[in-house]
């Protein structure tokens, strides 16, 4: 499955709630999310853009998949299907 090209920050944040990511702060146009889903505290920063650029979204998903010990393709399937 390919990464969707029209994902907004708001929609991505809602989808990441499946993995216990919550918004902890916002500075300007960047939103910080935190999660302890795997027992390890992880922070990620998402630009508040609509849509999020594909390369940026790819890097965000790669970081999340690494933290969750998932393949990026599996994470994409779980989030977007």
C-alpha atoms as a PDB file:
ATOM      1  CA  UNK A   1       0.000   0.000   0.000  1.00  0.00           C
ATOM      2  CA  UNK A   2       1.257   3.467  -0.874  1.00  0.00           C
ATOM      3  CA  UNK A   3       1.378   6.440   1.458  1.00  0.00           C
ATOM      4  CA  UNK A   4      -1.668   8.696   0.900  1.00  0.00           C
ATOM      5  CA  UNK A   5      -0.702  11.988  -0.704  1.00  0.00           C
ATOM      6  CA  UNK A   6      -3.493  14.148   0.664  1.00  0.00           C
ATOM      7  CA  UNK A   7      -3.176  13.593   4.426  1.00  0.00           C
ATOM      8  CA  UNK A   8      -3.520  16.637   6.668  1.00  0.00           C
ATOM      9  CA  UNK A   9      -1.897  17.009  10.076  1.00  0.00           C
ATOM     10  CA  UNK A  10      -5.316  16.940  11.735  1.00  0.00           C
ATOM     11  CA  UNK A  11      -6.245  13.634  10.085  1.00  0.00           C
ATOM     12  CA  UNK A  12      -2.856  12.069  10.853  1.00  0.00           C
ATOM     13  CA  UNK A  13      -3.166  13.015  14.524  1.00  0.00           C
ATOM     14  CA  UNK A  14      -6.600  11.363  14.685  1.00  0.00           C
ATOM     15  CA  UNK A  15      -5.234   8.205  13.050  1.00  0.00           C
ATOM     16  CA  UNK A  16      -2.262   8.044  15.428  1.00  0.00           C
ATOM     17  CA  UNK A  17      -4.619   7.892  18.421  1.00  0.00           C
ATOM     18  CA  UNK A  18      -4.822   4.146  17.649  1.00  0.00           C
ATOM     19  CA  UNK A  19      -1.280   3.945  19.024  1.00  0.00           C
ATOM     20  CA  UNK A  20      -1.915   6.234  22.025  1.00  0.00           C
ATOM     21  CA  UNK A  21      -0.283   9.322  20.508  1.00  0.00           C
ATOM     22  CA  UNK A  22      -1.628  12.461  22.131  1.00  0.00           C
ATOM     23  CA  UNK A  23      -0.912  16.105  21.412  1.00  0.00           C
ATOM     24  CA  UNK A  24       1.354  17.468  24.128  1.00  0.00           C
ATOM     25  CA  UNK A  25       2.115  20.916  22.765  1.00  0.00           C
ATOM     26  CA  UNK A  26       2.134  23.177  19.739  1.00  0.00           C
ATOM     27  CA  UNK A  27       4.708  25.780  18.834  1.00  0.00           C
ATOM     28  CA  UNK A  28       3.807  27.839  15.803  1.00  0.00           C
ATOM     29  CA  UNK A  29       2.872  25.486  12.990  1.00  0.00           C
ATOM     30  CA  UNK A  30       4.428  22.373  14.566  1.00  0.00           C
ATOM     31  CA  UNK A  31       2.513  19.934  16.734  1.00  0.00           C
ATOM     32  CA  UNK A  32       4.289  17.585  19.142  1.00  0.00           C
ATOM     33  CA  UNK A  33       2.781  14.186  19.884  1.00  0.00           C
ATOM     34  CA  UNK A  34       3.837  11.765  22.612  1.00  0.00           C
ATOM     35  CA  UNK A  35       3.171   8.069  23.192  1.00  0.00           C
ATOM     36  CA  UNK A  36       4.121   5.314  25.625  1.00  0.00           C
ATOM     37  CA  UNK A  37       2.434   2.580  23.546  1.00  0.00           C
ATOM     38  CA  UNK A  38       5.460   0.250  23.670  1.00  0.00           C
ATOM     39  CA  UNK A  39       6.568   1.284  27.148  1.00  0.00           C
ATOM     40  CA  UNK A  40       9.140   3.681  25.707  1.00  0.00           C
ATOM     41  CA  UNK A  41       8.270   7.373  25.707  1.00  0.00           C
ATOM     42  CA  UNK A  42       8.432   8.703  22.133  1.00  0.00           C
ATOM     43  CA  UNK A  43       7.939  12.242  20.855  1.00  0.00           C
ATOM     44  CA  UNK A  44       7.286  13.132  17.231  1.00  0.00           C
ATOM     45  CA  UNK A  45       6.764  16.520  15.639  1.00  0.00           C
ATOM     46  CA  UNK A  46       4.259  17.007  12.849  1.00  0.00           C
ATOM     47  CA  UNK A  47       3.972  20.175  10.763  1.00  0.00           C
ATOM     48  CA  UNK A  48       0.436  21.566  10.849  1.00  0.00           C
ATOM     49  CA  UNK A  49       0.065  21.584   7.056  1.00  0.00           C
ATOM     50  CA  UNK A  50      -2.638  20.467   4.702  1.00  0.00           C
ATOM     51  CA  UNK A  51      -1.427  18.292   3.085  1.00  0.00           C
ATOM     52  CA  UNK A  52       1.773  17.169   4.750  1.00  0.00           C
ATOM     53  CA  UNK A  53       4.552  16.852   2.169  1.00  0.00           C
ATOM     54  CA  UNK A  54       5.150  13.260   1.106  1.00  0.00           C
ATOM     55  CA  UNK A  55       8.810  13.119   2.190  1.00  0.00           C
ATOM     56  CA  UNK A  56       7.962  14.558   5.608  1.00  0.00           C
ATOM     57  CA  UNK A  57       5.094  12.100   6.057  1.00  0.00           C
ATOM     58  CA  UNK A  58       7.354   9.231   5.001  1.00  0.00           C
ATOM     59  CA  UNK A  59       9.930  10.165   7.662  1.00  0.00           C
ATOM     60  CA  UNK A  60       7.250  10.524  10.356  1.00  0.00           C
ATOM     61  CA  UNK A  61       5.826   7.086   9.525  1.00  0.00           C
ATOM     62  CA  UNK A  62       9.313   5.557   9.454  1.00  0.00           C
ATOM     63  CA  UNK A  63      10.058   6.886  12.959  1.00  0.00           C
ATOM     64  CA  UNK A  64       6.735   5.645  14.323  1.00  0.00           C
ATOM     65  CA  UNK A  65       7.128   2.197  12.728  1.00  0.00           C
ATOM     66  CA  UNK A  66      10.608   1.894  14.224  1.00  0.00           C
ATOM     67  CA  UNK A  67       9.291   2.749  17.689  1.00  0.00           C
ATOM     68  CA  UNK A  68       6.413   0.259  17.377  1.00  0.00           C
ATOM     69  CA  UNK A  69       8.678  -2.490  16.007  1.00  0.00           C
ATOM     70  CA  UNK A  70       6.575  -2.701  12.855  1.00  0.00           C
ATOM     71  CA  UNK A  71       7.437  -2.691   9.199  1.00  0.00           C
ATOM     72  CA  UNK A  72       6.485   0.673   7.671  1.00  0.00           C
ATOM     73  CA  UNK A  73       4.155  -1.093   5.205  1.00  0.00           C
ATOM     74  CA  UNK A  74       2.304  -2.771   8.088  1.00  0.00           C
ATOM     75  CA  UNK A  75       1.942   0.562   9.877  1.00  0.00           C
ATOM     76  CA  UNK A  76       0.526   2.158   6.729  1.00  0.00           C
ATOM     77  CA  UNK A  77      -2.038  -0.653   6.406  1.00  0.00           C
ATOM     78  CA  UNK A  78      -3.088  -0.314  10.062  1.00  0.00           C
ATOM     79  CA  UNK A  79      -3.437   3.465   9.852  1.00  0.00           C
ATOM     80  CA  UNK A  80      -5.050   3.967   6.478  1.00  0.00           C
ATOM     81  CA  UNK A  81      -7.363   0.941   6.013  1.00  0.00           C
END
